[in-house]
């Protein structure tokens, strides 16, 4: 298991001992901030500015730069091997001369203590794609220009400059230490989330494929019976055909996979029944380099990489194709079908569709818990879902799921919601905090309803104070309650976000009698819940929550990173249920698209 919240920050590392390239030094404790190499350290005299980047890019061929950005992005962020240092070294060896690697090592020796500095990372490469699409032009010999060592050297220089521009745009002054500590943390939330989002590895491919198949072939159609027909109208494809195409291409995202990363778009499925279907799929999910030059920049301040998220495949005029970003492609598998129908939904239907998906997600997450703790004859069920009641004020509520363990119990709220890009990058951090509250907190306007932590606070408070006017027998002997918010959005485990949501939860909880205790809120992504499904033979779910509270009571560290940096990380296995489902889907896609 690998830590997810490791944002790259352009900063001077602390002056203490630590490792550098080519040397193994024992680290005293986990480091969750990555320091990247400034361009002037490798290319003396370089000034990291937009003007400098445009000048370097002028001598590089556009399509070759975009292809190589995607190649290196796959190396440093594609699904597969969790050996992050090995990935980075592979990327270095692909592009850098011994002279450049020597200068990187010199920088690391002079700034020990912050871990191995990063040369290439996802956010930097996305930034470089954006600038290259607009400011490069195709030069003679495009397709072969990177055979020239001088071209590769310029590419590295451009990437390092792009890294600084990314850092300035992402962090700016948001990590400054002025003011009270809580104010500093809240001001940094948006920047830290962006740092996590654009510095992570893509999710486990088998788990993502299995989840997408389950949600859109089983759970969502059950809650939204019109889904199949709505999807066909929106895409001119069936859901099964769409997932098959996504699955078939997913092999090109795997770190250091043998199948690419470049593929010939005109030959995929050409000798199969998909010869008419795959071009329809590609028209939905791809764009040309010329289109990228426009879509990367149109409304970027508000929408960020939305255009790339919607169409993560690039296809050139000669039919060469590549997946530009493995993470965005992974999102197409796990959530793409929902947004395909939303884009074509009739006015006023979006809330209905989102509501149905939220219920489907609740069913999906609850079934994971039930598979972890199945009912046994003669014993009380440890997992319950859908229990209803009302509190002292007469307001009704429903518990998404609960898990009891002798004198302890976890109470779950499942939430499928996404934060808007413009709120995350808003310079006024209060706008982001209010947006988080709107998605995961107390209602603020007429017609709104409590969500996420506000629902949990009301339910847990009613249980603690014995205000639940309904069946409450399963909690009669419980002395400690663990509130757990399970979220679809994997980026909700950014540093300090759990701390903020816990503060919101506690402010809404109300009085807790001395006979009972409520633990801090746990924010758990669906990725983490899925991973736990095949891992509880080694430890219990409640045991993990107890350890998380003991080690991270302030919730500044995400549950994911607590697990990754603890002994629990060695005991985590991907969900066997989802791996089996994804294997079946892969075999289906292989037969449909690549029969050889």
Protein backbone atom coordinates (compact mmCIF):
# COMPACT_ATOMS: atom_id res chain seq x y z
CA UNK A 1 0.00 0.00 0.00
CA UNK A 2 1.36 3.40 -0.89
CA UNK A 3 0.75 6.75 0.74
CA UNK A 4 -1.53 8.95 -1.30
CA UNK A 5 -1.20 12.39 0.25
CA UNK A 6 2.29 13.32 -0.89
CA UNK A 7 2.00 16.70 -2.58
CA UNK A 8 5.08 18.03 -4.34
CA UNK A 9 6.13 21.40 -2.97
CA UNK A 10 8.82 23.73 -4.29
CA UNK A 11 10.54 24.53 -1.03
CA UNK A 12 13.89 24.45 0.74
CA UNK A 13 14.08 21.13 2.59
CA UNK A 14 15.06 21.00 6.28
CA UNK A 15 18.71 20.57 7.18
CA UNK A 16 18.77 17.04 8.57
CA UNK A 17 19.98 13.67 7.35
CA UNK A 18 18.13 11.87 4.58
CA UNK A 19 18.55 9.81 1.38
CA UNK A 20 19.44 10.91 -2.12
CA UNK A 21 19.64 9.27 -5.55
CA UNK A 22 21.91 6.28 -5.60
CA UNK A 23 22.33 6.08 -1.81
CA UNK A 24 20.26 4.32 0.85
CA UNK A 25 19.92 6.16 4.14
CA UNK A 26 17.43 5.06 6.79
CA UNK A 27 14.66 7.62 7.23
CA UNK A 28 13.79 8.42 10.83
CA UNK A 29 10.05 8.78 10.07
CA UNK A 30 7.63 9.15 7.20
CA UNK A 31 7.95 12.18 4.97
CA UNK A 32 4.68 13.27 3.33
CA UNK A 33 5.97 16.32 1.46
CA UNK A 34 7.89 15.80 -1.75
CA UNK A 35 10.55 18.33 -2.73
CA UNK A 36 11.27 18.73 -6.42
CA UNK A 37 14.44 19.87 -8.15
CA UNK A 38 14.55 23.57 -9.20
CA UNK A 39 15.60 24.01 -12.87
CA UNK A 40 18.54 26.29 -12.02
CA UNK A 41 20.14 23.41 -10.07
CA UNK A 42 20.39 21.33 -13.23
CA UNK A 43 20.58 24.06 -15.84
CA UNK A 44 22.52 26.98 -14.30
CA UNK A 45 21.23 30.40 -15.25
CA UNK A 46 17.71 29.18 -16.00
CA UNK A 47 14.96 31.46 -14.70
CA UNK A 48 11.72 29.58 -14.10
CA UNK A 49 9.22 31.80 -15.88
CA UNK A 50 6.50 31.50 -18.51
CA UNK A 51 8.72 33.34 -20.97
CA UNK A 52 11.60 30.93 -20.37
CA UNK A 53 9.34 27.92 -20.84
CA UNK A 54 7.98 29.23 -24.15
CA UNK A 55 11.54 29.85 -25.37
CA UNK A 56 12.62 26.30 -24.54
CA UNK A 57 9.51 24.81 -26.14
CA UNK A 58 10.09 26.74 -29.37
CA UNK A 59 12.82 24.26 -30.35
CA UNK A 60 10.72 21.15 -29.57
CA UNK A 61 8.22 19.38 -31.83
CA UNK A 62 4.68 19.50 -30.44
CA UNK A 63 3.40 15.96 -30.95
CA UNK A 64 6.68 14.41 -29.78
CA UNK A 65 6.55 16.51 -26.60
CA UNK A 66 2.95 15.49 -25.90
CA UNK A 67 3.72 11.82 -26.50
CA UNK A 68 6.75 11.95 -24.22
CA UNK A 69 4.83 13.78 -21.50
CA UNK A 70 2.32 10.94 -21.62
CA UNK A 71 5.10 8.31 -21.61
CA UNK A 72 6.76 9.75 -18.53
CA UNK A 73 3.41 10.35 -16.86
CA UNK A 74 2.65 6.67 -17.28
CA UNK A 75 5.99 5.81 -15.71
CA UNK A 76 5.53 8.02 -12.65
CA UNK A 77 1.77 7.74 -12.10
CA UNK A 78 0.33 4.78 -14.04
CA UNK A 79 -1.22 1.84 -12.16
CA UNK A 80 1.04 -1.07 -11.33
CA UNK A 81 4.25 -1.28 -9.34
CA UNK A 82 4.15 0.63 -6.00
CA UNK A 83 7.94 1.11 -6.05
CA UNK A 84 7.81 4.90 -6.38
CA UNK A 85 11.58 5.35 -6.23
CA UNK A 86 12.06 2.70 -8.90
CA UNK A 87 9.55 4.45 -11.14
CA UNK A 88 11.33 7.79 -10.74
CA UNK A 89 14.70 6.23 -11.46
CA UNK A 90 13.27 4.59 -14.58
CA UNK A 91 11.99 7.97 -15.79
CA UNK A 92 15.40 9.54 -15.11
CA UNK A 93 17.21 6.83 -17.01
CA UNK A 94 14.82 7.28 -19.94
CA UNK A 95 15.57 10.97 -20.46
CA UNK A 96 18.56 12.13 -18.42
CA UNK A 97 22.28 11.95 -19.07
CA UNK A 98 24.76 11.01 -16.37
CA UNK A 99 25.67 14.69 -16.12
CA UNK A 100 22.09 15.69 -15.33
CA UNK A 101 21.64 12.86 -12.82
CA UNK A 102 24.91 13.92 -11.19
CA UNK A 103 23.60 17.47 -10.69
CA UNK A 104 20.37 16.09 -9.21
CA UNK A 105 22.43 14.03 -6.78
CA UNK A 106 24.47 17.10 -5.86
CA UNK A 107 21.25 18.96 -5.04
CA UNK A 108 20.04 16.06 -2.89
CA UNK A 109 23.35 15.90 -0.96
CA UNK A 110 23.19 19.63 -0.19
CA UNK A 111 19.58 19.39 1.00
CA UNK A 112 19.24 16.16 2.98
CA UNK A 113 16.32 15.22 5.21
CA UNK A 114 13.38 15.73 2.83
CA UNK A 115 13.59 12.44 0.98
CA UNK A 116 14.65 11.91 -2.59
CA UNK A 117 13.82 14.99 -4.64
CA UNK A 118 11.34 14.56 -7.47
CA UNK A 119 12.35 15.34 -11.02
CA UNK A 120 9.15 14.24 -12.78
CA UNK A 121 5.65 14.07 -11.33
CA UNK A 122 2.11 14.07 -12.65
CA UNK A 123 1.12 17.70 -11.99
CA UNK A 124 4.28 18.98 -13.64
CA UNK A 125 3.73 16.83 -16.74
CA UNK A 126 0.11 17.94 -17.10
CA UNK A 127 1.34 21.53 -16.88
CA UNK A 128 3.95 20.86 -19.56
CA UNK A 129 1.32 19.28 -21.84
CA UNK A 130 -0.79 22.42 -21.50
CA UNK A 131 2.02 24.76 -22.51
CA UNK A 132 3.37 22.49 -25.25
CA UNK A 133 -0.04 22.10 -26.89
CA UNK A 134 -0.30 25.87 -27.33
CA UNK A 135 3.30 26.99 -27.85
CA UNK A 136 5.00 24.16 -29.76
CA UNK A 137 4.62 23.43 -33.44
CA UNK A 138 5.38 20.25 -35.30
CA UNK A 139 8.92 20.27 -36.67
CA UNK A 140 10.47 18.21 -39.47
CA UNK A 141 11.08 14.66 -38.31
CA UNK A 142 8.30 14.69 -35.72
CA UNK A 143 8.02 11.19 -34.35
CA UNK A 144 11.81 10.74 -34.22
CA UNK A 145 13.07 14.01 -32.74
CA UNK A 146 13.70 12.56 -29.26
CA UNK A 147 16.45 10.37 -30.66
CA UNK A 148 18.56 13.55 -30.37
CA UNK A 149 20.14 13.89 -26.87
CA UNK A 150 19.88 17.67 -27.18
CA UNK A 151 16.10 17.40 -27.62
CA UNK A 152 15.80 15.19 -24.54
CA UNK A 153 17.89 17.69 -22.59
CA UNK A 154 15.57 20.55 -23.59
CA UNK A 155 12.56 18.45 -22.62
CA UNK A 156 13.97 17.90 -19.11
CA UNK A 157 14.66 21.63 -18.81
CA UNK A 158 11.09 22.44 -19.91
CA UNK A 159 9.68 19.91 -17.42
CA UNK A 160 11.60 21.44 -14.51
CA UNK A 161 10.40 24.94 -15.42
CA UNK A 162 6.83 23.62 -15.74
CA UNK A 163 7.16 22.14 -12.26
CA UNK A 164 7.85 25.58 -10.80
CA UNK A 165 4.91 27.11 -12.70
CA UNK A 166 2.69 24.31 -11.40
CA UNK A 167 3.87 24.91 -7.84
CA UNK A 168 3.31 28.67 -8.09
CA UNK A 169 -0.19 28.16 -9.45
CA UNK A 170 -1.12 25.39 -7.03
CA UNK A 171 0.32 26.72 -3.79
CA UNK A 172 1.10 30.40 -4.20
CA UNK A 173 0.92 31.91 -0.71
CA UNK A 174 -1.57 29.32 0.56
CA UNK A 175 1.05 27.48 2.62
CA UNK A 176 2.35 30.61 4.35
CA UNK A 177 2.56 30.38 8.14
CA UNK A 178 0.99 33.74 9.03
CA UNK A 179 -1.98 33.66 11.43
CA UNK A 180 -3.39 31.11 13.85
CA UNK A 181 -2.67 27.46 13.14
CA UNK A 182 -6.30 26.56 12.38
CA UNK A 183 -6.53 29.44 9.92
CA UNK A 184 -3.30 28.30 8.26
CA UNK A 185 -4.66 24.75 7.90
CA UNK A 186 -7.93 25.90 6.41
CA UNK A 187 -6.20 28.27 4.01
CA UNK A 188 -4.05 25.38 2.79
CA UNK A 189 -6.86 22.87 2.20
CA UNK A 190 -7.41 23.63 -1.49
CA UNK A 191 -3.68 23.69 -2.27
CA UNK A 192 -3.05 20.42 -0.43
CA UNK A 193 -5.91 18.73 -2.21
CA UNK A 194 -4.60 19.85 -5.60
CA UNK A 195 -1.11 18.72 -4.61
CA UNK A 196 -2.44 15.29 -3.69
CA UNK A 197 -4.59 15.05 -6.81
CA UNK A 198 -1.73 15.90 -9.16
CA UNK A 199 0.99 14.01 -7.33
CA UNK A 200 -0.61 10.59 -6.86
CA UNK A 201 -0.35 7.25 -8.56
CA UNK A 202 -3.43 6.18 -10.49
CA UNK A 203 -5.70 3.80 -8.53
CA UNK A 204 -5.29 0.02 -8.66
CA UNK A 205 -6.52 -0.95 -12.11
CA UNK A 206 -8.17 -4.24 -11.10
CA UNK A 207 -10.13 -2.57 -8.31
CA UNK A 208 -11.18 0.33 -10.54
CA UNK A 209 -12.39 -1.99 -13.30
CA UNK A 210 -14.28 -4.16 -10.84
CA UNK A 211 -15.94 -1.15 -9.20
CA UNK A 212 -16.98 0.39 -12.53
CA UNK A 213 -18.46 -2.88 -13.71
CA UNK A 214 -20.36 -3.42 -10.45
CA UNK A 215 -21.72 0.11 -10.17
CA UNK A 216 -22.87 0.48 -13.77
CA UNK A 217 -23.88 -3.09 -14.63
CA UNK A 218 -25.60 -3.94 -11.36
CA UNK A 219 -26.12 -1.26 -8.71
CA UNK A 220 -26.99 1.91 -10.65
CA UNK A 221 -29.46 0.24 -13.08
CA UNK A 222 -31.27 -1.12 -10.02
CA UNK A 223 -31.73 2.39 -8.61
CA UNK A 224 -32.20 4.13 -11.98
CA UNK A 225 -34.05 1.73 -14.30
CA UNK A 226 -33.80 4.11 -17.25
CA UNK A 227 -30.00 4.14 -17.15
CA UNK A 228 -29.32 1.70 -20.00
CA UNK A 229 -31.61 3.52 -22.43
CA UNK A 230 -30.37 6.97 -21.35
CA UNK A 231 -26.78 5.82 -21.84
CA UNK A 232 -27.50 4.43 -25.30
CA UNK A 233 -29.16 7.70 -26.35
CA UNK A 234 -26.22 9.73 -25.05
CA UNK A 235 -23.38 7.64 -26.49
CA UNK A 236 -24.82 5.45 -29.29
CA UNK A 237 -23.29 2.52 -27.36
CA UNK A 238 -24.43 0.06 -24.73
CA UNK A 239 -22.93 0.25 -21.25
CA UNK A 240 -21.30 -3.13 -21.82
CA UNK A 241 -19.69 -1.95 -25.07
CA UNK A 242 -18.42 1.24 -23.42
CA UNK A 243 -16.89 -0.63 -20.48
CA UNK A 244 -15.34 -3.16 -22.84
CA UNK A 245 -13.60 -0.40 -24.81
CA UNK A 246 -12.36 1.30 -21.64
CA UNK A 247 -11.10 -2.01 -20.28
CA UNK A 248 -9.32 -2.94 -23.48
CA UNK A 249 -7.42 0.34 -23.58
CA UNK A 250 -6.62 0.28 -19.85
CA UNK A 251 -3.66 -2.01 -20.54
CA UNK A 252 -1.93 0.99 -22.13
CA UNK A 253 -1.95 2.87 -18.80
CA UNK A 254 -0.04 0.26 -16.78
CA UNK A 255 3.36 1.38 -15.50
CA UNK A 256 6.06 0.04 -17.80
CA UNK A 257 3.54 -2.27 -19.49
CA UNK A 258 4.63 -4.17 -22.57
CA UNK A 259 1.59 -3.06 -24.59
CA UNK A 260 2.48 0.51 -25.33
CA UNK A 261 1.88 3.23 -24.36
CA UNK A 262 1.23 4.22 -28.00
CA UNK A 263 -1.42 2.26 -29.88
CA UNK A 264 -2.74 2.39 -33.44
CA UNK A 265 -6.27 3.73 -33.11
CA UNK A 266 -7.36 2.46 -36.53
CA UNK A 267 -6.52 -1.18 -35.83
CA UNK A 268 -8.16 -1.64 -32.43
CA UNK A 269 -11.06 -4.04 -32.90
CA UNK A 270 -10.73 -3.77 -36.70
CA UNK A 271 -11.06 -7.52 -37.22
CA UNK A 272 -13.86 -7.99 -34.69
CA UNK A 273 -17.51 -7.10 -34.12
CA UNK A 274 -16.22 -3.88 -32.55
CA UNK A 275 -14.90 -2.49 -35.84
CA UNK A 276 -17.94 -0.16 -36.03
CA UNK A 277 -18.21 0.39 -32.27
CA UNK A 278 -14.67 1.38 -31.31
CA UNK A 279 -14.58 4.48 -33.55
CA UNK A 280 -17.78 5.67 -31.83
CA UNK A 281 -16.09 5.21 -28.46
CA UNK A 282 -12.94 6.99 -29.62
CA UNK A 283 -14.96 9.96 -30.87
CA UNK A 284 -16.39 10.29 -27.35
CA UNK A 285 -13.14 10.01 -25.43
CA UNK A 286 -10.36 11.46 -27.61
CA UNK A 287 -9.13 14.75 -29.03
CA UNK A 288 -6.45 15.81 -31.48
CA UNK A 289 -3.34 17.85 -30.60
CA UNK A 290 -4.99 20.89 -32.24
CA UNK A 291 -8.06 20.42 -30.06
CA UNK A 292 -5.85 20.10 -27.00
CA UNK A 293 -4.27 23.46 -27.78
CA UNK A 294 -7.71 25.01 -27.33
CA UNK A 295 -9.30 22.82 -24.66
CA UNK A 296 -6.29 22.98 -22.30
CA UNK A 297 -6.64 26.77 -22.08
CA UNK A 298 -10.35 27.49 -22.45
CA UNK A 299 -11.69 28.43 -19.02
CA UNK A 300 -8.73 26.81 -17.29
CA UNK A 301 -8.92 29.11 -14.25
CA UNK A 302 -12.43 27.84 -13.54
CA UNK A 303 -12.45 24.32 -14.97
CA UNK A 304 -8.86 23.16 -14.55
CA UNK A 305 -8.22 19.96 -16.51
CA UNK A 306 -11.90 19.23 -17.08
CA UNK A 307 -11.39 18.97 -20.85
CA UNK A 308 -8.67 16.35 -20.36
CA UNK A 309 -10.75 14.57 -17.73
CA UNK A 310 -13.59 14.32 -20.25
CA UNK A 311 -11.37 13.22 -23.18
CA UNK A 312 -8.10 11.73 -21.87
CA UNK A 313 -6.96 10.13 -25.16
CA UNK A 314 -4.95 11.97 -27.83
CA UNK A 315 -5.11 10.82 -31.48
CA UNK A 316 -2.88 12.35 -34.17
CA UNK A 317 -3.73 12.70 -37.86
CA UNK A 318 -1.79 9.56 -38.73
CA UNK A 319 -3.79 7.45 -36.22
CA UNK A 320 -1.22 7.21 -33.43
CA UNK A 321 -2.96 7.36 -30.08
CA UNK A 322 -1.95 7.57 -26.43
CA UNK A 323 -3.68 7.94 -23.08
CA UNK A 324 -2.38 11.26 -21.78
CA UNK A 325 -3.18 10.68 -18.11
CA UNK A 326 -3.79 7.30 -16.39
CA UNK A 327 -5.68 8.86 -13.47
CA UNK A 328 -8.24 10.67 -15.61
CA UNK A 329 -8.65 7.51 -17.68
CA UNK A 330 -9.25 5.54 -14.48
CA UNK A 331 -12.01 7.99 -13.56
CA UNK A 332 -13.71 7.22 -16.86
CA UNK A 333 -13.98 3.62 -15.70
CA UNK A 334 -15.23 4.29 -12.18
CA UNK A 335 -17.55 7.26 -12.84
CA UNK A 336 -17.56 8.03 -16.57
CA UNK A 337 -20.93 6.44 -17.48
CA UNK A 338 -22.71 8.63 -14.92
CA UNK A 339 -21.39 11.85 -16.43
CA UNK A 340 -22.14 10.65 -19.96
CA UNK A 341 -25.86 10.58 -19.21
CA UNK A 342 -25.72 13.76 -17.10
CA UNK A 343 -24.26 15.66 -20.08
CA UNK A 344 -27.36 14.77 -22.11
CA UNK A 345 -29.98 14.77 -19.36
CA UNK A 346 -33.15 16.80 -19.72
CA UNK A 347 -33.28 20.02 -17.75
CA UNK A 348 -34.09 19.39 -14.10
CA UNK A 349 -33.17 15.67 -14.17
CA UNK A 350 -29.61 16.03 -12.82
CA UNK A 351 -30.66 15.91 -9.15
CA UNK A 352 -32.74 12.80 -9.78
CA UNK A 353 -29.81 11.08 -11.48
CA UNK A 354 -27.32 12.11 -8.80
CA UNK A 355 -29.75 10.94 -6.13
CA UNK A 356 -30.12 7.53 -7.74
CA UNK A 357 -26.36 7.18 -8.03
CA UNK A 358 -25.96 8.14 -4.38
CA UNK A 359 -28.32 5.33 -3.40
CA UNK A 360 -26.48 2.91 -5.69
CA UNK A 361 -23.18 3.89 -4.07
CA UNK A 362 -24.72 3.34 -0.63
CA UNK A 363 -25.86 -0.14 -1.69
CA UNK A 364 -22.43 -0.91 -3.11
CA UNK A 365 -20.51 0.17 0.01
CA UNK A 366 -22.97 -1.54 2.35
CA UNK A 367 -22.58 -4.82 0.46
CA UNK A 368 -18.81 -4.63 0.93
CA UNK A 369 -19.35 -4.49 4.69
CA UNK A 370 -21.80 -7.40 4.51
CA UNK A 371 -19.26 -9.51 2.61
CA UNK A 372 -16.66 -8.65 5.24
CA UNK A 373 -18.98 -9.68 8.07
CA UNK A 374 -21.61 -12.03 6.60
CA UNK A 375 -24.57 -13.21 8.72
CA UNK A 376 -24.05 -16.48 10.56
CA UNK A 377 -26.79 -18.85 11.76
CA UNK A 378 -27.60 -18.42 15.43
CA UNK A 379 -25.61 -15.17 15.79
CA UNK A 380 -26.70 -11.55 15.75
CA UNK A 381 -25.80 -9.83 12.47
CA UNK A 382 -22.86 -7.49 13.05
CA UNK A 383 -23.64 -5.37 9.99
CA UNK A 384 -27.01 -3.72 9.56
CA UNK A 385 -28.11 -1.24 6.90
CA UNK A 386 -31.12 0.98 6.30
CA UNK A 387 -32.22 1.19 9.95
CA UNK A 388 -34.68 4.08 10.36
CA UNK A 389 -35.63 6.23 13.32
CA UNK A 390 -36.25 9.77 14.44
CA UNK A 391 -34.61 12.02 17.01
CA UNK A 392 -36.03 14.02 19.91
CA UNK A 393 -37.12 16.80 17.56
CA UNK A 394 -39.15 14.34 15.49
CA UNK A 395 -36.90 14.49 12.42
CA UNK A 396 -36.51 11.13 10.72
CA UNK A 397 -33.19 9.64 9.70
CA UNK A 398 -31.79 6.47 8.22
CA UNK A 399 -28.48 4.81 9.08
CA UNK A 400 -26.70 3.79 5.90
CA UNK A 401 -24.86 1.01 7.77
CA UNK A 402 -23.49 0.09 11.18
CA UNK A 403 -21.01 -2.47 12.46
CA UNK A 404 -21.04 -3.64 16.09
CA UNK A 405 -18.18 -5.25 17.96
CA UNK A 406 -19.10 -6.08 21.58
CA UNK A 407 -18.95 -2.64 23.29
CA UNK A 408 -17.87 -0.65 20.23
CA UNK A 409 -19.73 0.24 17.05
CA UNK A 410 -19.04 2.05 13.78
CA UNK A 411 -21.83 4.12 12.22
CA UNK A 412 -21.46 4.74 8.47
CA UNK A 413 -22.69 7.44 6.15
CA UNK A 414 -22.01 6.82 2.44
CA UNK A 415 -21.62 9.85 0.21
CA UNK A 416 -21.05 10.15 -3.56
CA UNK A 417 -20.27 13.82 -4.16
CA UNK A 418 -17.57 15.79 -5.93
CA UNK A 419 -16.09 19.20 -5.20
CA UNK A 420 -16.16 21.74 -8.02
CA UNK A 421 -12.81 22.69 -9.52
CA UNK A 422 -13.44 26.42 -9.24
CA UNK A 423 -14.09 26.08 -5.50
CA UNK A 424 -10.87 24.12 -4.94
CA UNK A 425 -8.66 26.69 -6.67
CA UNK A 426 -10.56 29.74 -5.33
CA UNK A 427 -8.17 32.24 -3.79
CA UNK A 428 -10.74 32.91 -1.05
CA UNK A 429 -10.46 29.76 1.03
CA UNK A 430 -13.77 30.41 2.80
CA UNK A 431 -15.52 29.71 -0.50
CA UNK A 432 -13.98 26.24 -0.53
CA UNK A 433 -14.92 25.61 3.10
CA UNK A 434 -18.51 26.60 2.40
CA UNK A 435 -18.55 24.38 -0.69
CA UNK A 436 -17.30 21.43 1.39
CA UNK A 437 -20.04 22.13 3.92
CA UNK A 438 -22.63 22.22 1.14
CA UNK A 439 -21.50 18.83 -0.16
CA UNK A 440 -20.71 17.07 3.12
CA UNK A 441 -22.21 19.14 5.96
CA UNK A 442 -25.21 20.94 7.40
CA UNK A 443 -27.89 22.45 5.20
CA UNK A 444 -27.53 26.18 4.63
CA UNK A 445 -30.43 27.13 2.39
CA UNK A 446 -34.13 26.59 1.89
CA UNK A 447 -34.83 23.16 0.48
CA UNK A 448 -31.37 21.85 1.32
CA UNK A 449 -30.93 18.86 3.60
CA UNK A 450 -28.20 17.76 5.94
CA UNK A 451 -25.49 15.68 4.30
CA UNK A 452 -22.50 13.59 5.32
CA UNK A 453 -21.06 14.69 8.63
CA UNK A 454 -24.24 16.55 9.61
CA UNK A 455 -26.30 13.37 9.16
CA UNK A 456 -23.73 11.39 11.11
CA UNK A 457 -23.71 13.93 13.93
CA UNK A 458 -27.49 13.82 14.27
CA UNK A 459 -27.65 10.01 14.19
CA UNK A 460 -24.70 9.44 16.55
CA UNK A 461 -25.98 12.13 18.92
CA UNK A 462 -29.44 10.54 19.03
CA UNK A 463 -27.91 7.14 19.80
CA UNK A 464 -25.66 8.52 22.55
CA UNK A 465 -28.43 10.49 24.27
CA UNK A 466 -30.95 7.65 23.74
CA UNK A 467 -33.12 10.03 21.73
CA UNK A 468 -33.64 7.51 18.94
CA UNK A 469 -37.39 7.01 18.92
CA UNK A 470 -37.27 3.66 17.20
CA UNK A 471 -35.47 0.33 17.23
CA UNK A 472 -32.18 1.06 18.99
CA UNK A 473 -31.46 -2.31 20.58
CA UNK A 474 -28.22 -3.00 18.72
CA UNK A 475 -26.63 0.03 20.41
CA UNK A 476 -27.94 -0.61 23.94
CA UNK A 477 -24.61 -1.92 25.28
CA UNK A 478 -22.31 0.21 23.13
CA UNK A 479 -19.96 2.52 25.02
CA UNK A 480 -17.82 3.87 22.12
CA UNK A 481 -19.13 4.99 18.74
CA UNK A 482 -16.93 5.49 15.67
CA UNK A 483 -18.49 7.77 13.03
CA UNK A 484 -17.27 6.88 9.51
CA UNK A 485 -17.91 8.90 6.35
CA UNK A 486 -17.34 6.70 3.27
CA UNK A 487 -16.81 8.82 0.14
CA UNK A 488 -16.58 8.01 -3.56
CA UNK A 489 -14.16 10.87 -4.21
CA UNK A 490 -10.69 9.40 -3.61
CA UNK A 491 -9.20 12.87 -3.23
CA UNK A 492 -11.11 13.46 0.00
CA UNK A 493 -8.17 11.97 1.91
CA UNK A 494 -6.00 15.06 1.33
CA UNK A 495 -4.00 16.25 4.38
CA UNK A 496 -5.99 18.21 6.98
CA UNK A 497 -9.33 17.69 5.20
CA UNK A 498 -10.31 15.03 7.73
CA UNK A 499 -9.31 17.46 10.49
CA UNK A 500 -11.69 20.10 9.11
CA UNK A 501 -14.59 17.68 8.65
CA UNK A 502 -14.05 16.28 12.15
CA UNK A 503 -14.28 19.80 13.58
CA UNK A 504 -17.54 20.28 11.67
CA UNK A 505 -18.84 16.95 12.99
CA UNK A 506 -17.98 17.72 16.59
CA UNK A 507 -19.57 21.17 16.39
CA UNK A 508 -22.85 19.55 15.29
CA UNK A 509 -22.78 16.54 17.63
CA UNK A 510 -24.19 18.12 20.76
CA UNK A 511 -23.87 16.80 24.32
CA UNK A 512 -22.55 13.28 24.82
CA UNK A 513 -23.38 11.59 28.16
CA UNK A 514 -20.41 10.46 30.26
CA UNK A 515 -21.46 6.82 29.91
CA UNK A 516 -20.61 6.94 26.23
CA UNK A 517 -17.79 8.30 24.09
CA UNK A 518 -17.71 9.38 20.45
CA UNK A 519 -14.40 8.93 18.60
CA UNK A 520 -13.19 11.51 16.03
CA UNK A 521 -14.71 11.28 12.57
CA UNK A 522 -13.01 8.91 10.13
CA UNK A 523 -13.10 9.88 6.45
CA UNK A 524 -12.69 6.68 4.44
CA UNK A 525 -12.49 6.64 0.66
CA UNK A 526 -14.20 3.83 -1.20
CA UNK A 527 -10.72 2.69 -2.32
CA UNK A 528 -9.78 2.06 1.31
CA UNK A 529 -13.02 0.25 2.12
CA UNK A 530 -12.53 -1.98 -0.92
CA UNK A 531 -8.97 -2.76 0.17
CA UNK A 532 -10.16 -3.74 3.62
CA UNK A 533 -12.60 -6.33 2.26
CA UNK A 534 -9.91 -8.96 1.65
CA UNK A 535 -7.71 -7.86 4.57
CA UNK A 536 -9.79 -8.34 7.72
CA UNK A 537 -8.52 -11.88 8.29
CA UNK A 538 -5.42 -10.10 9.61
CA UNK A 539 -7.25 -7.59 11.82
CA UNK A 540 -10.76 -6.38 12.57
CA UNK A 541 -12.37 -3.25 11.17
CA UNK A 542 -12.96 -1.80 14.64
CA UNK A 543 -9.38 -2.62 15.63
CA UNK A 544 -8.17 -0.44 12.75
CA UNK A 545 -10.41 2.45 13.84
CA UNK A 546 -9.12 2.15 17.42
CA UNK A 547 -5.51 2.29 16.22
CA UNK A 548 -6.24 5.25 13.92
CA UNK A 549 -7.75 7.18 16.82
CA UNK A 550 -4.81 6.37 19.06
CA UNK A 551 -2.17 7.46 16.54
CA UNK A 552 -4.00 10.26 14.69
CA UNK A 553 -6.66 11.76 17.00
CA UNK A 554 -6.40 15.16 15.29
CA UNK A 555 -7.14 13.62 11.86
CA UNK A 556 -4.43 15.69 10.19
CA UNK A 557 -3.21 12.48 8.54
CA UNK A 558 -5.67 10.60 6.35
CA UNK A 559 -6.72 7.07 7.20
CA UNK A 560 -5.06 5.90 3.99
CA UNK A 561 -1.70 7.32 4.96
CA UNK A 562 -1.99 6.08 8.52
CA UNK A 563 -2.43 2.57 7.12
CA UNK A 564 0.33 2.99 4.53
CA UNK A 565 2.89 4.14 7.11
CA UNK A 566 1.93 1.55 9.75
CA UNK A 567 2.19 -2.21 10.08
CA UNK A 568 -1.35 -2.43 8.70
CA UNK A 569 -0.01 -1.49 5.28
CA UNK A 570 1.72 -4.87 5.00
CA UNK A 571 -1.59 -6.64 5.64
CA UNK A 572 -3.66 -4.88 2.96
CA UNK A 573 -4.72 -6.83 -0.12
CA UNK A 574 -6.85 -5.67 -3.06
CA UNK A 575 -10.47 -6.80 -2.98
CA UNK A 576 -10.68 -10.38 -4.22
CA UNK A 577 -14.29 -9.79 -5.23
CA UNK A 578 -13.35 -6.85 -7.47
CA UNK A 579 -10.23 -8.51 -8.87
CA UNK A 580 -12.36 -11.48 -9.96
CA UNK A 581 -14.87 -9.13 -11.59
CA UNK A 582 -12.16 -7.13 -13.35
CA UNK A 583 -10.45 -10.29 -14.60
CA UNK A 584 -13.69 -11.37 -16.24
CA UNK A 585 -14.06 -7.92 -17.80
CA UNK A 586 -10.47 -7.97 -19.06
CA UNK A 587 -10.97 -11.38 -20.66
CA UNK A 588 -14.14 -10.11 -22.32
CA UNK A 589 -12.36 -7.01 -23.63
CA UNK A 590 -9.39 -9.02 -24.86
CA UNK A 591 -11.64 -11.30 -26.85
CA UNK A 592 -13.69 -8.42 -28.26
CA UNK A 593 -10.89 -6.01 -29.21
CA UNK A 594 -7.67 -8.02 -29.46
CA UNK A 595 -8.64 -11.58 -30.49
CA UNK A 596 -5.06 -12.56 -31.29
